[in-house]
Amino acid sequence: MTRTMTSRVVPPTTAMPVGVQRNRYAVSTSDSGEILLTPLATIPKRELLIWENDELRASLLRGLAQTTSARRDDLLEGDDD
């Protein structure tokens, strides 16, 4: 069975109360009338490179792990005083 899907993005409504998460969905409909909602996430453009570049993301995660480890070591050294 082949399906022809058409998609569009449904933006959040402006009538939502403050503090309510405003989700965005891609809406796809098939020829038979089935509707598929796919949640979308928005990230800042300045962070996009990290998600697109596996080496950069791995390097960033290593750096974060080293920082966490160094902070833990500093805290443990401070307990001896």
C-alpha atoms as a PDB file:
ATOM      1  CA  MET A   1       0.000   0.000   0.000  1.00  0.00           C
ATOM      2  CA  THR A   2       1.482   3.372  -1.009  1.00  0.00           C
ATOM      3  CA  ARG A   3       0.643   6.534   0.817  1.00  0.00           C
ATOM      4  CA  THR A   4       0.939  10.073  -0.359  1.00  0.00           C
ATOM      5  CA  MET A   5       1.614  12.266   2.633  1.00  0.00           C
ATOM      6  CA  THR A   6       1.288  16.003   2.790  1.00  0.00           C
ATOM      7  CA  SER A   7       2.844  17.865   5.692  1.00  0.00           C
ATOM      8  CA  ARG A   8       2.584  21.274   7.288  1.00  0.00           C
ATOM      9  CA  VAL A   9       3.777  22.791  10.543  1.00  0.00           C
ATOM     10  CA  VAL A  10       1.135  23.971  12.977  1.00  0.00           C
ATOM     11  CA  PRO A  11       2.446  26.880  15.097  1.00  0.00           C
ATOM     12  CA  PRO A  12       1.299  27.337  18.685  1.00  0.00           C
ATOM     13  CA  THR A  13      -1.759  29.448  19.242  1.00  0.00           C
ATOM     14  CA  THR A  14      -1.398  32.837  20.873  1.00  0.00           C
ATOM     15  CA  ALA A  15      -4.424  32.253  23.100  1.00  0.00           C
ATOM     16  CA  MET A  16      -2.567  29.882  25.429  1.00  0.00           C
ATOM     17  CA  PRO A  17      -2.162  30.947  29.070  1.00  0.00           C
ATOM     18  CA  VAL A  18       1.239  32.135  30.280  1.00  0.00           C
ATOM     19  CA  GLY A  19       3.403  29.286  31.552  1.00  0.00           C
ATOM     20  CA  VAL A  20       1.814  26.628  29.346  1.00  0.00           C
ATOM     21  CA  GLN A  21       4.319  24.923  27.073  1.00  0.00           C
ATOM     22  CA  ARG A  22       3.726  25.870  23.459  1.00  0.00           C
ATOM     23  CA  ASN A  23       4.364  22.735  21.403  1.00  0.00           C
ATOM     24  CA  ARG A  24       4.736  22.703  17.626  1.00  0.00           C
ATOM     25  CA  TYR A  25       3.745  19.761  15.461  1.00  0.00           C
ATOM     26  CA  ALA A  26       4.277  18.660  11.889  1.00  0.00           C
ATOM     27  CA  VAL A  27       0.893  17.467  10.647  1.00  0.00           C
ATOM     28  CA  SER A  28       0.858  14.782   7.966  1.00  0.00           C
ATOM     29  CA  THR A  29      -2.263  13.426   6.317  1.00  0.00           C
ATOM     30  CA  SER A  30      -2.509  10.435   4.017  1.00  0.00           C
ATOM     31  CA  ASP A  31      -4.858   9.945   1.069  1.00  0.00           C
ATOM     32  CA  SER A  32      -7.025   7.748   3.299  1.00  0.00           C
ATOM     33  CA  GLY A  33      -7.426  10.571   5.853  1.00  0.00           C
ATOM     34  CA  GLU A  34      -5.014   9.324   8.533  1.00  0.00           C
ATOM     35  CA  ILE A  35      -3.430  12.134  10.522  1.00  0.00           C
ATOM     36  CA  LEU A  36       0.049  11.918  12.025  1.00  0.00           C
ATOM     37  CA  LEU A  37       1.271  14.561  14.489  1.00  0.00           C
ATOM     38  CA  THR A  38       5.047  14.714  14.919  1.00  0.00           C
ATOM     39  CA  PRO A  39       6.307  16.907  17.805  1.00  0.00           C
ATOM     40  CA  LEU A  40       8.980  19.412  16.746  1.00  0.00           C
ATOM     41  CA  ALA A  41      11.790  20.888  18.806  1.00  0.00           C
ATOM     42  CA  THR A  42      13.372  24.270  18.199  1.00  0.00           C
ATOM     43  CA  ILE A  43      16.985  24.936  19.108  1.00  0.00           C
ATOM     44  CA  PRO A  44      18.907  28.196  18.766  1.00  0.00           C
ATOM     45  CA  LYS A  45      20.847  28.484  15.489  1.00  0.00           C
ATOM     46  CA  ARG A  46      24.089  29.051  17.424  1.00  0.00           C
ATOM     47  CA  GLU A  47      23.694  25.522  18.927  1.00  0.00           C
ATOM     48  CA  LEU A  48      22.844  23.794  15.630  1.00  0.00           C
ATOM     49  CA  LEU A  49      26.492  23.067  14.767  1.00  0.00           C
ATOM     50  CA  ILE A  50      26.848  20.953  17.915  1.00  0.00           C
ATOM     51  CA  TRP A  51      23.937  18.731  16.872  1.00  0.00           C
ATOM     52  CA  GLU A  52      25.136  18.418  13.274  1.00  0.00           C
ATOM     53  CA  ASN A  53      28.830  17.674  14.011  1.00  0.00           C
ATOM     54  CA  ASP A  54      29.410  14.372  15.850  1.00  0.00           C
ATOM     55  CA  GLU A  55      33.102  15.097  16.578  1.00  0.00           C
ATOM     56  CA  LEU A  56      32.342  18.520  18.029  1.00  0.00           C
ATOM     57  CA  ARG A  57      29.531  17.110  20.193  1.00  0.00           C
ATOM     58  CA  ALA A  58      31.799  14.312  21.486  1.00  0.00           C
ATOM     59  CA  SER A  59      34.517  16.856  22.307  1.00  0.00           C
ATOM     60  CA  LEU A  60      32.031  19.056  24.147  1.00  0.00           C
ATOM     61  CA  LEU A  61      30.753  16.092  26.181  1.00  0.00           C
ATOM     62  CA  ARG A  62      34.345  15.073  27.065  1.00  0.00           C
ATOM     63  CA  GLY A  63      35.055  18.616  28.235  1.00  0.00           C
ATOM     64  CA  LEU A  64      31.931  18.674  30.374  1.00  0.00           C
ATOM     65  CA  ALA A  65      32.858  15.312  31.911  1.00  0.00           C
ATOM     66  CA  GLN A  66      36.392  16.567  32.687  1.00  0.00           C
ATOM     67  CA  THR A  67      35.003  19.707  34.298  1.00  0.00           C
ATOM     68  CA  THR A  68      32.633  17.669  36.450  1.00  0.00           C
ATOM     69  CA  SER A  69      35.465  15.342  37.463  1.00  0.00           C
ATOM     70  CA  ALA A  70      37.768  18.271  38.313  1.00  0.00           C
ATOM     71  CA  ARG A  71      35.099  19.920  40.446  1.00  0.00           C
ATOM     72  CA  ARG A  72      34.481  16.660  42.312  1.00  0.00           C
ATOM     73  CA  ASP A  73      38.227  16.263  42.936  1.00  0.00           C
ATOM     74  CA  ASP A  74      38.443  19.862  44.211  1.00  0.00           C
ATOM     75  CA  LEU A  75      35.568  19.238  46.606  1.00  0.00           C
ATOM     76  CA  LEU A  76      37.160  16.032  47.919  1.00  0.00           C
ATOM     77  CA  GLU A  77      40.514  17.786  48.466  1.00  0.00           C
ATOM     78  CA  GLY A  78      38.761  20.503  50.453  1.00  0.00           C
ATOM     79  CA  ASP A  79      37.399  17.944  52.951  1.00  0.00           C
ATOM     80  CA  ASP A  80      40.911  17.128  54.262  1.00  0.00           C
ATOM     81  CA  ASP A  81      41.453  20.568  55.836  1.00  0.00           C
END
